[in-house]
Protein backbone atom coordinates (compact mmCIF):
# COMPACT_ATOMS: atom_id res chain seq x y z
CA GLU A 1 95.29 51.67 130.15
CA VAL A 2 94.06 51.97 126.51
CA ASP A 3 94.82 49.09 124.32
CA VAL A 4 96.69 49.90 121.06
CA ARG A 5 94.19 47.94 119.03
CA VAL A 6 91.41 49.96 120.41
CA PHE A 7 93.30 53.05 119.53
CA GLY A 8 93.89 51.78 115.89
CA ILE A 9 90.40 50.73 115.31
CA ASP A 10 89.14 54.00 116.60
CA PHE A 11 91.46 56.04 114.39
CA ALA A 12 90.78 53.95 111.35
CA LEU A 13 86.87 54.46 111.86
CA LYS A 14 87.34 58.11 112.28
CA LEU A 15 89.53 58.30 109.11
CA LEU A 16 87.08 56.23 107.18
CA VAL A 17 84.09 58.40 108.32
CA ASN A 18 85.97 61.55 107.46
CA MET A 19 87.09 60.31 103.97
CA ILE A 20 83.44 59.32 103.10
CA PHE A 21 82.13 62.71 104.30
CA LEU A 22 84.78 64.62 102.16
CA LEU A 23 84.21 62.46 99.19
CA ALA A 24 80.53 62.96 99.29
CA LEU A 25 80.96 66.69 99.94
CA ALA A 26 83.31 67.02 96.96
CA PHE A 27 81.07 64.88 94.77
CA LEU A 28 77.94 66.85 95.36
CA SER A 29 79.93 70.20 95.08
CA PHE A 30 81.57 69.16 91.75
CA THR A 31 78.42 67.89 90.17
CA THR A 32 76.24 70.76 91.23
CA ALA A 33 78.84 73.35 90.21
CA GLU A 34 79.34 71.71 86.82
CA GLY A 35 75.63 71.71 86.04
CA LEU A 36 75.14 75.26 87.18
CA GLY A 37 78.22 76.40 85.41
CA ARG A 38 76.95 74.96 82.22
CA THR A 39 73.64 76.75 82.66
CA ALA A 40 75.12 80.07 83.60
CA PHE A 41 78.17 80.10 81.33
CA PRO A 42 77.54 77.92 78.21
CA ARG A 43 80.57 79.17 76.25
CA GLN A 44 83.19 78.93 79.12
CA LEU A 45 85.72 76.17 79.09
CA ARG A 46 84.60 73.27 81.21
CA LEU A 47 87.17 71.90 83.89
CA TRP A 48 86.65 68.40 82.82
CA ALA A 49 86.82 69.03 79.14
CA LEU A 50 90.43 70.14 79.58
CA MET A 51 91.40 66.47 79.62
CA LYS A 52 90.86 66.18 75.89
CA THR A 53 93.76 67.16 73.64
CA ASP A 54 91.71 69.13 71.07
CA VAL A 55 90.41 71.32 73.95
CA LEU A 56 93.92 71.74 75.37
CA ARG A 57 95.35 72.74 71.96
CA SER A 58 92.70 75.72 71.65
CA SER A 59 93.93 79.19 71.87
CA GLU A 60 91.47 79.95 74.72
CA ALA A 61 92.84 77.30 76.90
CA PHE A 62 96.38 78.37 76.22
CA HIS A 63 95.48 82.08 76.92
CA GLN A 64 93.76 81.13 80.25
CA VAL A 65 96.70 78.85 81.43
CA ALA A 66 99.23 81.46 80.40
CA MET A 67 97.39 84.31 82.20
CA GLY A 68 97.20 82.03 85.35
CA TYR A 69 100.87 81.40 85.34
CA LEU A 70 101.75 85.06 84.67
CA LEU A 71 99.60 86.07 87.60
CA VAL A 72 101.30 83.93 90.01
CA PRO A 73 104.24 86.26 90.59
CA VAL A 74 101.80 89.17 91.09
CA MET A 75 99.74 87.26 93.65
CA PHE A 76 102.90 86.09 95.59
CA ALA A 77 104.00 89.84 95.68
CA TYR A 78 100.64 90.79 97.02
CA GLU A 79 100.74 88.13 99.72
CA VAL A 80 104.25 88.93 100.86
CA THR A 81 103.55 92.70 100.85
CA PHE A 82 100.37 92.25 102.74
CA TYR A 83 101.82 90.12 105.47
CA PHE A 84 104.98 92.26 105.74
CA ALA A 85 102.79 95.32 106.15
CA CYS A 86 100.58 93.70 108.71
CA SER A 87 103.30 92.05 110.83
CA ARG A 88 106.11 94.67 110.72
CA LEU A 89 104.43 98.04 109.87
CA LEU A 90 101.20 97.54 111.92
CA GLY A 91 102.44 94.93 114.44
CA TRP A 92 99.56 92.63 113.84
CA TRP A 93 99.69 88.89 114.27
CA THR A 94 99.02 86.85 111.11
CA PRO A 95 97.54 83.34 111.26
CA SER A 96 100.11 82.26 108.67
CA SER A 97 103.01 82.47 111.16
CA PRO A 98 102.54 80.04 113.92
CA LEU A 99 105.28 80.17 116.58
CA ALA A 100 105.76 76.39 116.62
CA ASP A 101 104.08 73.16 115.63
CA PRO A 102 105.32 70.17 117.61
CA ASP A 103 103.19 67.78 115.51
CA VAL A 104 105.18 68.19 112.38
CA ASN A 105 107.82 65.60 113.32
CA ALA A 106 105.17 63.23 114.70
CA THR A 107 104.25 61.93 111.25
CA LEU A 108 106.09 59.91 108.77
CA ALA A 109 105.40 62.35 105.76
CA PRO A 110 104.27 65.65 107.11
CA TRP A 111 104.10 67.19 103.60
CA VAL A 112 101.26 64.83 102.49
CA VAL A 113 98.64 66.52 104.73
CA CYS A 114 99.64 70.00 103.39
CA ILE A 115 99.55 68.93 99.78
CA ALA A 116 96.14 67.10 100.22
CA GLN A 117 94.49 70.07 101.87
CA ALA A 118 95.80 72.48 99.24
CA LEU A 119 94.60 70.30 96.39
CA PHE A 120 91.13 69.77 98.03
CA ALA A 121 90.79 73.45 98.79
CA GLY A 122 91.94 74.37 95.21
CA PHE A 123 89.53 72.04 93.38
CA TRP A 124 86.75 72.81 95.75
CA GLU A 125 87.12 76.63 95.30
CA GLU A 126 87.56 76.21 91.52
CA THR A 127 84.23 74.31 91.28
CA LEU A 128 82.24 76.46 93.66
CA PHE A 129 83.41 79.92 92.32
CA ARG A 130 83.52 79.45 88.57
């Protein structure tokens, strides 16, 4: 029989190692992408400069943010049409539609993992593909 303390220590150590690895990966990715982005595109808005109010008030920042918000419905329509065509018209299975996930109810806040993964993926892709 496995002791509960051993399980807790094992879980905490794995969580700590995973957190350190992801923080190191994100830090290296962000710093490398920022330096290379400044070299390749010196006139483009920098992600970290958007924290300043004078940069946020610029027309370029407004146009880029407005274009991003205006393209959200277009991207949603594309996703819905694509998955509808694949699943209904072609009969394909799409990985976005699992049949059941029994682990959803096993956590106290199942939405935290989804939001954390989405935020990490969004920031990471933004820095890598600028």
